N, C-alpha and C. Protein backbone atom coordinates (compact mmCIF):
# COMPACT_ATOMS: atom_id res chain seq x y z
N MET A 1 125.67 127.88 88.46
CA MET A 1 126.43 128.86 87.66
C MET A 1 127.19 129.78 88.61
N THR A 2 128.47 129.96 88.36
CA THR A 2 129.28 130.81 89.23
C THR A 2 128.98 132.27 88.97
N ASP A 3 129.36 133.14 89.98
CA ASP A 3 129.16 134.58 89.81
C ASP A 3 129.91 135.10 88.60
N SER A 4 131.13 134.59 88.37
CA SER A 4 131.92 135.07 87.23
C SER A 4 131.28 134.67 85.92
N ALA A 5 130.66 133.46 85.88
CA ALA A 5 130.00 133.03 84.65
C ALA A 5 128.78 133.88 84.35
N VAL A 6 128.01 134.18 85.42
CA VAL A 6 126.84 135.04 85.23
C VAL A 6 127.26 136.41 84.75
N LEU A 7 128.32 136.97 85.36
CA LEU A 7 128.81 138.29 84.97
C LEU A 7 129.27 138.27 83.52
N SER A 8 130.00 137.20 83.14
CA SER A 8 130.48 137.10 81.77
C SER A 8 129.32 137.04 80.79
N ARG A 9 128.29 136.22 81.13
CA ARG A 9 127.15 136.10 80.23
C ARG A 9 126.43 137.42 80.07
N ARG A 10 126.27 138.16 81.18
CA ARG A 10 125.58 139.43 81.09
C ARG A 10 126.39 140.45 80.31
N ARG A 11 127.73 140.39 80.39
CA ARG A 11 128.55 141.30 79.59
C ARG A 11 128.39 140.99 78.11
N VAL A 12 128.38 139.70 77.77
CA VAL A 12 128.18 139.32 76.37
C VAL A 12 126.82 139.79 75.89
N PHE A 13 125.81 139.62 76.74
CA PHE A 13 124.46 140.03 76.39
C PHE A 13 124.39 141.54 76.15
N ALA A 14 125.04 142.32 77.02
CA ALA A 14 125.04 143.77 76.86
C ALA A 14 125.77 144.19 75.59
N SER A 15 126.88 143.52 75.29
CA SER A 15 127.62 143.84 74.07
C SER A 15 126.79 143.54 72.83
N ALA A 16 126.08 142.42 72.87
CA ALA A 16 125.25 142.05 71.73
C ALA A 16 124.13 143.05 71.53
N LEU A 17 123.58 143.57 72.63
CA LEU A 17 122.55 144.58 72.54
C LEU A 17 123.05 145.82 71.83
N SER A 18 124.26 146.27 72.19
CA SER A 18 124.84 147.44 71.56
C SER A 18 125.03 147.22 70.06
N LEU A 19 125.53 146.05 69.69
CA LEU A 19 125.74 145.75 68.28
C LEU A 19 124.41 145.68 67.53
N ALA A 20 123.40 145.09 68.17
CA ALA A 20 122.10 144.99 67.52
C ALA A 20 121.49 146.36 67.30
N ALA A 21 121.67 147.26 68.26
CA ALA A 21 121.13 148.60 68.11
C ALA A 21 121.77 149.31 66.92
N LEU A 22 123.07 149.13 66.75
CA LEU A 22 123.74 149.75 65.62
C LEU A 22 123.29 149.13 64.31
N GLY A 23 123.12 147.81 64.32
CA GLY A 23 122.75 147.13 63.09
C GLY A 23 121.29 147.30 62.74
N ALA A 24 120.47 147.78 63.70
CA ALA A 24 119.05 147.91 63.43
C ALA A 24 118.70 149.14 62.63
N VAL A 25 119.65 150.06 62.45
CA VAL A 25 119.36 151.27 61.70
C VAL A 25 119.11 150.91 60.24
N ARG A 26 117.92 151.23 59.76
CA ARG A 26 117.54 150.86 58.41
C ARG A 26 117.74 152.04 57.46
N PRO A 27 118.67 151.97 56.50
CA PRO A 27 118.83 153.07 55.55
C PRO A 27 117.67 153.10 54.58
N GLY A 28 117.34 154.28 54.09
CA GLY A 28 116.36 154.43 53.03
C GLY A 28 114.95 154.09 53.44
N LEU A 29 114.55 154.42 54.68
CA LEU A 29 113.20 154.16 55.12
C LEU A 29 112.20 154.94 54.26
N ALA A 30 111.04 154.34 54.01
CA ALA A 30 110.01 155.03 53.25
C ALA A 30 109.50 156.23 54.03
N ALA A 31 108.87 157.16 53.30
CA ALA A 31 108.38 158.37 53.94
C ALA A 31 107.37 158.05 55.04
N THR A 32 106.51 157.06 54.80
CA THR A 32 105.54 156.64 55.80
C THR A 32 105.61 155.13 55.95
N LEU A 33 105.81 154.66 57.18
CA LEU A 33 105.89 153.23 57.43
C LEU A 33 104.52 152.67 57.80
N LEU A 34 104.34 151.39 57.56
CA LEU A 34 103.13 150.69 57.97
C LEU A 34 103.09 150.62 59.49
N ARG A 35 102.02 151.12 60.06
CA ARG A 35 101.89 151.10 61.51
C ARG A 35 101.65 149.67 62.00
N THR A 36 102.28 149.32 63.10
CA THR A 36 102.07 148.01 63.71
C THR A 36 100.67 147.96 64.30
N PRO A 37 99.87 146.96 63.95
CA PRO A 37 98.50 146.89 64.48
C PRO A 37 98.48 146.75 66.00
N THR A 38 97.51 147.38 66.63
CA THR A 38 97.29 147.18 68.06
C THR A 38 96.47 145.91 68.26
N GLN A 39 96.72 145.24 69.40
CA GLN A 39 95.96 144.06 69.76
C GLN A 39 95.68 144.07 71.26
N THR A 40 94.82 143.18 71.69
CA THR A 40 94.44 143.12 73.09
C THR A 40 95.62 142.76 73.98
N ALA A 41 95.63 143.33 75.18
CA ALA A 41 96.63 142.95 76.18
C ALA A 41 96.30 141.61 76.81
N GLY A 42 95.07 141.13 76.62
CA GLY A 42 94.67 139.85 77.20
C GLY A 42 94.44 139.95 78.70
N PRO A 43 94.05 138.85 79.30
CA PRO A 43 93.71 138.88 80.74
C PRO A 43 94.89 138.66 81.68
N PHE A 44 96.11 138.47 81.13
CA PHE A 44 97.20 138.01 81.98
C PHE A 44 98.33 139.02 82.15
N TYR A 45 98.06 140.31 81.89
CA TYR A 45 99.07 141.31 82.24
C TYR A 45 99.30 141.25 83.75
N PRO A 46 100.56 141.30 84.21
CA PRO A 46 100.82 141.08 85.64
C PRO A 46 100.06 142.04 86.55
N ARG A 47 99.50 141.49 87.61
CA ARG A 47 98.85 142.35 88.61
C ARG A 47 99.88 143.08 89.45
N THR A 48 101.00 142.43 89.69
CA THR A 48 102.12 143.06 90.38
C THR A 48 103.38 142.79 89.57
N ILE A 49 104.25 143.78 89.46
CA ILE A 49 105.49 143.62 88.70
C ILE A 49 106.47 142.82 89.55
N PRO A 50 107.08 141.77 88.99
CA PRO A 50 108.03 140.97 89.79
C PRO A 50 109.24 141.79 90.22
N LEU A 51 109.86 141.36 91.32
CA LEU A 51 111.03 142.08 91.82
C LEU A 51 112.14 142.11 90.78
N ASP A 52 112.33 141.00 90.08
CA ASP A 52 113.29 140.97 88.98
C ASP A 52 112.49 141.15 87.69
N ALA A 53 112.55 142.33 87.11
CA ALA A 53 111.75 142.64 85.92
C ALA A 53 112.65 143.23 84.83
N ASP A 54 113.88 142.71 84.73
CA ASP A 54 114.81 143.25 83.75
C ASP A 54 114.56 142.64 82.38
N THR A 55 115.52 142.78 81.47
CA THR A 55 115.34 142.31 80.10
C THR A 55 115.69 140.84 79.90
N ASP A 56 116.17 140.17 80.94
CA ASP A 56 116.52 138.76 80.85
C ASP A 56 115.46 137.95 81.59
N LEU A 57 114.51 137.38 80.83
CA LEU A 57 113.43 136.61 81.43
C LEU A 57 113.83 135.17 81.69
N VAL A 58 115.00 134.77 81.19
CA VAL A 58 115.44 133.38 81.28
C VAL A 58 116.11 133.09 82.61
N GLN A 59 116.77 134.09 83.18
CA GLN A 59 117.54 133.90 84.41
C GLN A 59 117.04 134.87 85.47
N ILE A 60 116.41 134.36 86.51
CA ILE A 60 115.93 135.19 87.60
C ILE A 60 117.07 135.40 88.59
N ALA A 61 117.25 136.62 89.04
CA ALA A 61 118.30 136.93 90.00
C ALA A 61 118.14 136.08 91.25
N GLY A 62 119.25 135.46 91.68
CA GLY A 62 119.25 134.65 92.88
C GLY A 62 118.92 133.18 92.66
N ARG A 63 118.58 132.80 91.42
CA ARG A 63 118.29 131.40 91.11
C ARG A 63 119.40 130.82 90.25
N ALA A 64 119.83 129.63 90.58
CA ALA A 64 120.92 128.98 89.83
C ALA A 64 120.43 128.40 88.51
N GLN A 65 119.19 127.95 88.48
CA GLN A 65 118.66 127.28 87.30
C GLN A 65 117.94 128.27 86.40
N ARG A 66 118.15 128.16 85.10
CA ARG A 66 117.46 129.05 84.17
C ARG A 66 116.12 128.46 83.78
N ALA A 67 115.32 129.25 83.09
CA ALA A 67 113.99 128.83 82.67
C ALA A 67 114.06 127.69 81.66
N ALA A 68 113.03 126.86 81.67
CA ALA A 68 112.88 125.84 80.62
C ALA A 68 112.50 126.53 79.32
N GLY A 69 112.81 125.86 78.20
CA GLY A 69 112.46 126.41 76.89
C GLY A 69 113.69 126.84 76.12
N GLN A 70 113.51 127.11 74.83
CA GLN A 70 114.62 127.52 73.97
C GLN A 70 114.87 129.01 74.10
N VAL A 71 116.07 129.38 74.49
CA VAL A 71 116.42 130.79 74.65
C VAL A 71 116.23 131.52 73.32
N THR A 72 115.59 132.68 73.39
CA THR A 72 115.28 133.48 72.20
C THR A 72 115.53 134.94 72.49
N HIS A 73 116.29 135.59 71.62
CA HIS A 73 116.55 137.02 71.74
C HIS A 73 115.62 137.77 70.78
N VAL A 74 114.79 138.63 71.35
CA VAL A 74 113.86 139.43 70.56
C VAL A 74 114.33 140.87 70.64
N MET A 75 114.53 141.48 69.48
CA MET A 75 115.08 142.83 69.43
C MET A 75 114.38 143.64 68.35
N GLY A 76 114.62 144.94 68.37
CA GLY A 76 114.04 145.80 67.35
C GLY A 76 114.14 147.25 67.78
N ARG A 77 113.39 148.09 67.08
CA ARG A 77 113.34 149.51 67.42
C ARG A 77 111.90 149.98 67.50
N VAL A 78 111.67 150.99 68.31
CA VAL A 78 110.38 151.67 68.38
C VAL A 78 110.49 152.93 67.53
N LEU A 79 109.65 153.01 66.49
CA LEU A 79 109.71 154.09 65.51
C LEU A 79 108.35 154.77 65.39
N ASP A 80 108.35 156.03 64.91
CA ASP A 80 107.09 156.62 64.49
C ASP A 80 106.87 156.29 63.02
N ASP A 81 105.74 156.69 62.46
CA ASP A 81 105.43 156.26 61.10
C ASP A 81 106.22 157.01 60.02
N MET A 82 107.10 157.92 60.46
CA MET A 82 108.04 158.55 59.54
C MET A 82 109.42 157.90 59.62
N GLY A 83 109.54 156.84 60.43
CA GLY A 83 110.80 156.12 60.55
C GLY A 83 111.75 156.70 61.57
N ARG A 84 111.29 157.62 62.41
CA ARG A 84 112.15 158.24 63.40
C ARG A 84 112.07 157.48 64.73
N PRO A 85 113.22 157.26 65.39
CA PRO A 85 113.19 156.57 66.69
C PRO A 85 112.35 157.32 67.71
N VAL A 86 111.60 156.58 68.51
CA VAL A 86 110.80 157.16 69.59
C VAL A 86 111.61 157.01 70.87
N SER A 87 112.47 157.96 71.13
CA SER A 87 113.36 157.86 72.29
C SER A 87 112.56 158.00 73.58
N GLY A 88 112.99 157.29 74.61
CA GLY A 88 112.36 157.37 75.91
C GLY A 88 111.14 156.49 76.08
N ALA A 89 110.75 155.75 75.04
CA ALA A 89 109.60 154.85 75.17
C ALA A 89 109.92 153.71 76.13
N ARG A 90 108.93 153.24 76.84
CA ARG A 90 109.06 152.10 77.74
C ARG A 90 108.43 150.89 77.07
N VAL A 91 109.19 149.83 76.91
CA VAL A 91 108.70 148.61 76.27
C VAL A 91 108.55 147.54 77.34
N GLU A 92 107.39 146.88 77.38
CA GLU A 92 107.13 145.77 78.28
C GLU A 92 106.78 144.53 77.46
N ILE A 93 107.21 143.36 77.93
CA ILE A 93 106.76 142.11 77.34
C ILE A 93 106.31 141.16 78.44
N TRP A 94 105.37 140.27 78.11
CA TRP A 94 104.98 139.19 79.02
C TRP A 94 104.47 138.03 78.17
N GLN A 95 104.61 136.82 78.68
CA GLN A 95 104.23 135.63 77.93
C GLN A 95 104.10 134.45 78.87
N CYS A 96 103.55 133.35 78.36
CA CYS A 96 103.47 132.14 79.17
C CYS A 96 104.82 131.45 79.23
N ASP A 97 104.97 130.54 80.18
CA ASP A 97 106.22 129.80 80.30
C ASP A 97 106.23 128.62 79.33
N ALA A 98 107.27 127.81 79.37
CA ALA A 98 107.43 126.72 78.42
C ALA A 98 106.38 125.62 78.59
N MET A 99 105.68 125.62 79.72
CA MET A 99 104.60 124.66 79.93
C MET A 99 103.25 125.20 79.46
N GLY A 100 103.25 126.45 78.98
CA GLY A 100 102.02 127.07 78.50
C GLY A 100 101.22 127.77 79.57
N TYR A 101 101.85 128.07 80.73
CA TYR A 101 101.15 128.69 81.85
C TYR A 101 101.61 130.13 82.03
N TYR A 102 100.65 131.02 82.27
CA TYR A 102 100.98 132.38 82.66
C TYR A 102 101.18 132.45 84.18
N HIS A 103 102.10 133.29 84.61
CA HIS A 103 102.31 133.49 86.04
C HIS A 103 101.33 134.57 86.51
N HIS A 104 100.09 134.19 86.60
CA HIS A 104 99.02 135.13 86.90
C HIS A 104 97.92 134.37 87.64
N PRO A 105 97.31 134.96 88.67
CA PRO A 105 96.31 134.23 89.45
C PRO A 105 95.08 133.81 88.65
N ARG A 106 94.82 134.46 87.52
CA ARG A 106 93.66 134.08 86.71
C ARG A 106 93.93 132.82 85.89
N ASP A 107 95.21 132.47 85.71
CA ASP A 107 95.55 131.24 85.00
C ASP A 107 95.82 130.15 86.03
N ARG A 108 94.78 129.51 86.50
CA ARG A 108 94.91 128.53 87.57
C ARG A 108 95.52 127.22 87.10
N ARG A 109 95.68 127.07 85.78
CA ARG A 109 96.33 125.86 85.28
C ARG A 109 97.77 125.77 85.77
N GLY A 110 98.39 126.93 86.02
CA GLY A 110 99.79 126.95 86.40
C GLY A 110 100.05 126.90 87.89
N GLU A 111 99.02 126.71 88.71
CA GLU A 111 99.20 126.74 90.16
C GLU A 111 100.14 125.63 90.65
N THR A 112 100.13 124.50 89.95
CA THR A 112 100.97 123.39 90.39
C THR A 112 102.03 123.00 89.37
N GLY A 113 101.94 123.51 88.13
CA GLY A 113 102.85 123.04 87.10
C GLY A 113 103.65 124.10 86.39
N GLY A 114 103.61 125.33 86.85
CA GLY A 114 104.34 126.41 86.19
C GLY A 114 105.84 126.33 86.44
N ASP A 115 106.59 127.07 85.63
CA ASP A 115 108.04 127.09 85.74
C ASP A 115 108.47 128.23 86.68
N PRO A 116 108.95 127.90 87.88
CA PRO A 116 109.32 128.96 88.82
C PRO A 116 110.58 129.71 88.41
N ASN A 117 111.30 129.18 87.42
CA ASN A 117 112.55 129.83 86.99
C ASN A 117 112.35 130.79 85.81
N PHE A 118 111.11 130.94 85.37
CA PHE A 118 110.83 131.86 84.27
C PHE A 118 110.31 133.18 84.83
N GLN A 119 110.93 134.28 84.40
CA GLN A 119 110.57 135.60 84.91
C GLN A 119 109.19 136.04 84.43
N ALA A 120 108.82 135.68 83.20
CA ALA A 120 107.47 135.88 82.64
C ALA A 120 107.17 137.31 82.21
N TYR A 121 107.92 138.29 82.70
CA TYR A 121 107.68 139.71 82.39
C TYR A 121 109.01 140.44 82.40
N GLY A 122 109.15 141.41 81.52
CA GLY A 122 110.33 142.28 81.53
C GLY A 122 110.00 143.63 80.94
N HIS A 123 110.83 144.61 81.26
CA HIS A 123 110.62 145.94 80.68
C HIS A 123 111.95 146.67 80.57
N MET A 124 111.98 147.68 79.71
CA MET A 124 113.15 148.52 79.56
C MET A 124 112.74 149.83 78.89
N ALA A 125 113.54 150.86 79.08
CA ALA A 125 113.36 152.13 78.38
C ALA A 125 114.34 152.18 77.21
N VAL A 126 113.86 152.53 76.04
CA VAL A 126 114.74 152.61 74.87
C VAL A 126 115.55 153.90 74.93
N GLY A 127 116.68 153.90 74.23
CA GLY A 127 117.52 155.08 74.17
C GLY A 127 117.16 155.97 72.99
N GLU A 128 118.09 156.84 72.62
CA GLU A 128 117.82 157.77 71.53
C GLU A 128 117.64 157.07 70.19
N ASP A 129 118.21 155.88 70.04
CA ASP A 129 118.07 155.14 68.79
C ASP A 129 116.79 154.31 68.73
N GLY A 130 116.00 154.30 69.80
CA GLY A 130 114.75 153.55 69.84
C GLY A 130 114.90 152.06 70.00
N ALA A 131 116.13 151.56 70.23
CA ALA A 131 116.37 150.11 70.24
C ALA A 131 115.97 149.47 71.56
N TYR A 132 115.41 148.27 71.46
CA TYR A 132 115.12 147.45 72.63
C TYR A 132 115.62 146.04 72.37
N ARG A 133 115.73 145.25 73.44
CA ARG A 133 116.12 143.85 73.30
C ARG A 133 115.75 143.09 74.57
N PHE A 134 115.24 141.86 74.40
CA PHE A 134 114.92 140.99 75.52
C PHE A 134 115.49 139.60 75.26
N ARG A 135 115.94 138.96 76.33
CA ARG A 135 116.33 137.55 76.30
C ARG A 135 115.22 136.77 76.98
N THR A 136 114.53 135.95 76.21
CA THR A 136 113.37 135.24 76.73
C THR A 136 113.40 133.81 76.20
N ILE A 137 112.25 133.16 76.13
CA ILE A 137 112.17 131.82 75.54
C ILE A 137 111.27 131.88 74.31
N LYS A 138 111.46 130.93 73.42
CA LYS A 138 110.57 130.82 72.27
C LYS A 138 109.15 130.58 72.77
N PRO A 139 108.19 131.41 72.34
CA PRO A 139 106.83 131.22 72.85
C PRO A 139 106.24 129.89 72.38
N VAL A 140 105.36 129.35 73.21
CA VAL A 140 104.74 128.06 72.94
C VAL A 140 103.22 128.24 72.88
N PRO A 141 102.52 127.31 72.24
CA PRO A 141 101.05 127.40 72.22
C PRO A 141 100.46 126.97 73.55
N TYR A 142 99.23 127.37 73.78
CA TYR A 142 98.43 126.83 74.88
C TYR A 142 97.00 126.73 74.36
N PRO A 143 96.10 126.07 75.04
CA PRO A 143 94.77 125.81 74.48
C PRO A 143 94.09 127.09 73.96
N GLY A 144 93.81 127.10 72.68
CA GLY A 144 93.10 128.21 72.06
C GLY A 144 93.97 129.28 71.44
N ARG A 145 95.30 129.22 71.64
CA ARG A 145 96.15 130.29 71.12
C ARG A 145 97.41 129.73 70.46
N THR A 146 97.82 130.42 69.39
CA THR A 146 99.10 130.16 68.76
C THR A 146 100.21 130.81 69.58
N PRO A 147 101.46 130.39 69.46
CA PRO A 147 102.55 131.02 70.24
C PRO A 147 102.63 132.53 69.98
N HIS A 148 102.81 133.29 71.04
CA HIS A 148 102.89 134.75 70.91
C HIS A 148 103.55 135.35 72.14
N ILE A 149 104.00 136.59 71.99
CA ILE A 149 104.54 137.40 73.09
C ILE A 149 103.77 138.71 73.10
N HIS A 150 103.32 139.12 74.27
CA HIS A 150 102.62 140.39 74.41
C HIS A 150 103.62 141.54 74.52
N PHE A 151 103.31 142.64 73.87
CA PHE A 151 104.11 143.86 73.95
C PHE A 151 103.23 145.03 74.36
N ALA A 152 103.77 145.90 75.20
CA ALA A 152 103.13 147.18 75.51
C ALA A 152 104.20 148.27 75.42
N VAL A 153 103.82 149.40 74.84
CA VAL A 153 104.74 150.54 74.71
C VAL A 153 104.04 151.77 75.27
N SER A 154 104.74 152.51 76.10
CA SER A 154 104.20 153.74 76.66
C SER A 154 105.29 154.79 76.69
N GLY A 155 104.88 156.05 76.81
CA GLY A 155 105.87 157.12 76.87
C GLY A 155 105.26 158.47 76.57
N PRO A 156 106.05 159.52 76.71
CA PRO A 156 105.55 160.87 76.44
C PRO A 156 105.28 161.06 74.95
N GLY A 157 104.21 161.74 74.63
CA GLY A 157 103.92 162.07 73.24
C GLY A 157 103.01 161.10 72.52
N PHE A 158 102.57 160.02 73.19
CA PHE A 158 101.63 159.10 72.54
C PHE A 158 100.86 158.31 73.59
N GLU A 159 99.71 157.77 73.17
CA GLU A 159 98.89 156.99 74.08
C GLU A 159 99.48 155.60 74.26
N GLY A 160 99.16 154.98 75.39
CA GLY A 160 99.62 153.62 75.62
C GLY A 160 99.16 152.69 74.51
N TRP A 161 99.98 151.72 74.18
CA TRP A 161 99.78 150.91 72.97
C TRP A 161 100.17 149.47 73.27
N THR A 162 99.39 148.50 72.79
CA THR A 162 99.71 147.09 73.00
C THR A 162 99.56 146.31 71.69
N THR A 163 100.31 145.22 71.58
CA THR A 163 100.16 144.31 70.46
C THR A 163 100.69 142.94 70.87
N GLN A 164 100.74 142.02 69.91
CA GLN A 164 101.30 140.70 70.15
C GLN A 164 102.20 140.33 68.98
N MET A 165 103.32 139.69 69.29
CA MET A 165 104.25 139.22 68.27
C MET A 165 104.08 137.72 68.10
N TYR A 166 104.04 137.27 66.85
CA TYR A 166 103.83 135.86 66.53
C TYR A 166 105.06 135.30 65.83
N VAL A 167 105.12 133.97 65.73
CA VAL A 167 106.29 133.29 65.19
C VAL A 167 105.96 132.73 63.81
N ALA A 168 106.78 133.08 62.82
CA ALA A 168 106.58 132.59 61.46
C ALA A 168 106.67 131.07 61.42
N GLY A 169 105.80 130.46 60.61
CA GLY A 169 105.82 129.02 60.42
C GLY A 169 104.99 128.22 61.39
N GLU A 170 104.38 128.87 62.38
CA GLU A 170 103.55 128.14 63.33
C GLU A 170 102.20 127.81 62.69
N PRO A 171 101.81 126.55 62.64
CA PRO A 171 100.57 126.18 61.94
C PRO A 171 99.32 126.79 62.56
N LEU A 172 99.33 127.07 63.86
CA LEU A 172 98.15 127.63 64.51
C LEU A 172 97.93 129.10 64.16
N ASN A 173 98.91 129.74 63.50
CA ASN A 173 98.72 131.13 63.07
C ASN A 173 97.50 131.27 62.16
N ASP A 174 97.24 130.26 61.35
CA ASP A 174 96.16 130.34 60.36
C ASP A 174 94.78 130.38 60.99
N THR A 175 94.66 129.90 62.22
CA THR A 175 93.34 129.83 62.86
C THR A 175 93.25 130.64 64.15
N ASP A 176 94.33 131.31 64.55
CA ASP A 176 94.30 132.06 65.81
C ASP A 176 93.32 133.23 65.70
N PHE A 177 92.35 133.30 66.60
CA PHE A 177 91.28 134.28 66.48
C PHE A 177 91.75 135.71 66.76
N ILE A 178 92.80 135.89 67.56
CA ILE A 178 93.31 137.23 67.82
C ILE A 178 94.12 137.72 66.62
N LEU A 179 95.05 136.92 66.16
CA LEU A 179 95.87 137.30 65.01
C LEU A 179 95.01 137.60 63.79
N ASN A 180 93.99 136.80 63.55
CA ASN A 180 93.20 136.95 62.33
C ASN A 180 92.10 138.00 62.43
N ARG A 181 92.04 138.69 63.57
CA ARG A 181 91.22 139.89 63.62
C ARG A 181 91.82 141.03 62.81
N VAL A 182 93.13 140.94 62.52
CA VAL A 182 93.79 141.94 61.68
C VAL A 182 93.47 141.58 60.23
N ASN A 183 92.57 142.33 59.62
CA ASN A 183 92.06 141.97 58.29
C ASN A 183 93.05 142.25 57.18
N ASP A 184 93.82 143.33 57.31
CA ASP A 184 94.77 143.68 56.26
C ASP A 184 95.94 142.70 56.28
N ALA A 185 96.22 142.08 55.12
CA ALA A 185 97.23 141.02 55.06
C ALA A 185 98.62 141.55 55.38
N LYS A 186 98.97 142.74 54.88
CA LYS A 186 100.30 143.29 55.15
C LYS A 186 100.45 143.63 56.62
N ALA A 187 99.43 144.21 57.21
CA ALA A 187 99.49 144.55 58.63
C ALA A 187 99.60 143.28 59.48
N ARG A 188 98.84 142.26 59.11
CA ARG A 188 98.91 141.00 59.85
C ARG A 188 100.29 140.37 59.73
N ALA A 189 100.86 140.41 58.52
CA ALA A 189 102.19 139.84 58.31
C ALA A 189 103.25 140.55 59.12
N SER A 190 103.04 141.84 59.42
CA SER A 190 104.04 142.60 60.18
C SER A 190 104.16 142.13 61.62
N LEU A 191 103.18 141.36 62.09
CA LEU A 191 103.20 140.82 63.45
C LEU A 191 103.85 139.45 63.52
N ILE A 192 104.12 138.84 62.37
CA ILE A 192 104.62 137.46 62.32
C ILE A 192 106.11 137.49 61.99
N ILE A 193 106.94 137.08 62.93
CA ILE A 193 108.38 137.31 62.88
C ILE A 193 109.14 135.98 62.76
N PRO A 194 110.04 135.88 61.77
CA PRO A 194 110.88 134.68 61.70
C PRO A 194 111.88 134.64 62.86
N LEU A 195 112.05 133.47 63.42
CA LEU A 195 113.08 133.24 64.44
C LEU A 195 114.09 132.27 63.87
N GLY A 196 115.36 132.66 63.89
CA GLY A 196 116.39 131.81 63.34
C GLY A 196 117.53 131.59 64.30
N PRO A 197 118.37 130.58 64.04
CA PRO A 197 119.52 130.31 64.92
C PRO A 197 120.43 131.53 65.03
N ALA A 198 120.92 131.78 66.24
CA ALA A 198 121.77 132.94 66.50
C ALA A 198 122.98 132.54 67.33
N PRO A 199 123.84 131.65 66.80
CA PRO A 199 125.00 131.20 67.59
C PRO A 199 125.98 132.32 67.89
N GLU A 200 125.96 133.39 67.08
CA GLU A 200 126.85 134.52 67.33
C GLU A 200 126.44 135.30 68.58
N ILE A 201 125.20 135.12 69.02
CA ILE A 201 124.73 135.76 70.25
C ILE A 201 124.85 134.81 71.44
N GLU A 202 124.36 133.57 71.24
CA GLU A 202 124.36 132.59 72.33
C GLU A 202 124.19 131.21 71.74
N ALA A 203 124.96 130.26 72.20
CA ALA A 203 124.89 128.89 71.68
C ALA A 203 123.49 128.31 71.89
N GLY A 204 122.92 127.77 70.82
CA GLY A 204 121.62 127.13 70.88
C GLY A 204 120.43 128.07 70.89
N ALA A 205 120.69 129.38 70.82
CA ALA A 205 119.60 130.35 70.92
C ALA A 205 119.03 130.71 69.55
N LEU A 206 117.82 131.25 69.58
CA LEU A 206 117.17 131.83 68.41
C LEU A 206 117.17 133.35 68.55
N ALA A 207 116.91 134.04 67.45
CA ALA A 207 116.78 135.49 67.50
C ALA A 207 115.82 135.95 66.42
N GLY A 208 115.15 137.06 66.67
CA GLY A 208 114.24 137.66 65.70
C GLY A 208 114.14 139.15 65.93
N THR A 209 113.80 139.88 64.87
CA THR A 209 113.70 141.34 64.94
C THR A 209 112.26 141.77 64.71
N PHE A 210 111.72 142.50 65.67
CA PHE A 210 110.35 142.99 65.62
C PHE A 210 110.37 144.50 65.82
N ASP A 211 110.37 145.24 64.71
CA ASP A 211 110.30 146.69 64.79
C ASP A 211 108.86 147.12 65.04
N ILE A 212 108.67 148.06 65.94
CA ILE A 212 107.34 148.52 66.36
C ILE A 212 107.15 149.94 65.82
N VAL A 213 106.15 150.12 64.98
CA VAL A 213 105.88 151.42 64.34
C VAL A 213 104.60 151.98 64.93
N LEU A 214 104.72 153.12 65.60
CA LEU A 214 103.59 153.76 66.27
C LEU A 214 103.04 154.90 65.42
N GLY A 215 101.76 155.12 65.52
CA GLY A 215 101.15 156.27 64.88
C GLY A 215 100.75 157.30 65.92
N GLY A 216 100.58 158.54 65.49
CA GLY A 216 100.11 159.58 66.39
C GLY A 216 101.11 160.03 67.41
N VAL A 217 102.40 159.85 67.15
CA VAL A 217 103.43 160.28 68.09
C VAL A 217 103.69 161.77 67.89
N ARG A 218 103.65 162.53 68.97
CA ARG A 218 103.94 163.95 68.92
C ARG A 218 105.42 164.17 69.20
N THR A 219 106.14 164.81 68.29
CA THR A 219 107.57 165.05 68.48
C THR A 219 107.84 166.50 68.80
């Protein structure tokens, strides 16, 4: 990929982020929103943050080849339970690669078969509108787990918070032991996000919106 092509792609990506942030504003929010359930961070949160830890997990800086897997844009807003944006929050995501391996020393399955072109972790600080966006891959299952992406949110005015985002229509959702620890059906459904074709963002890509509602935020 040429430098001009990379620059062009990143400009398109940045423009799409701005449009998504504007379109994410939900009119007529209820007085109190359903809080997003917290879930375990799991054993594979990175021990060290990679040098390239931006919002594009598909393309690592300095590598010509992109990650294996279907490109997926995950976006949304960080809100308090009154529907107000939580400005200044830091959003982190991490997930396994398209082969089902985490880039973590505790996941020894990936020592010889992992995807070196997958960033595996990204983070960003949201603006005043609370909007975030990541370019990653569609999550895949691995032994014992349905496809998911880990999320962590931190910032002033609230305690650190983690959860996992799941993909609508995945058959393993019905038996996943982490997802089904959420007993309330509405709360559990709030973690399961439809992913649909998004040719207006990127050819062949998927996109989904995962709004994160925090409780106990001090404003």
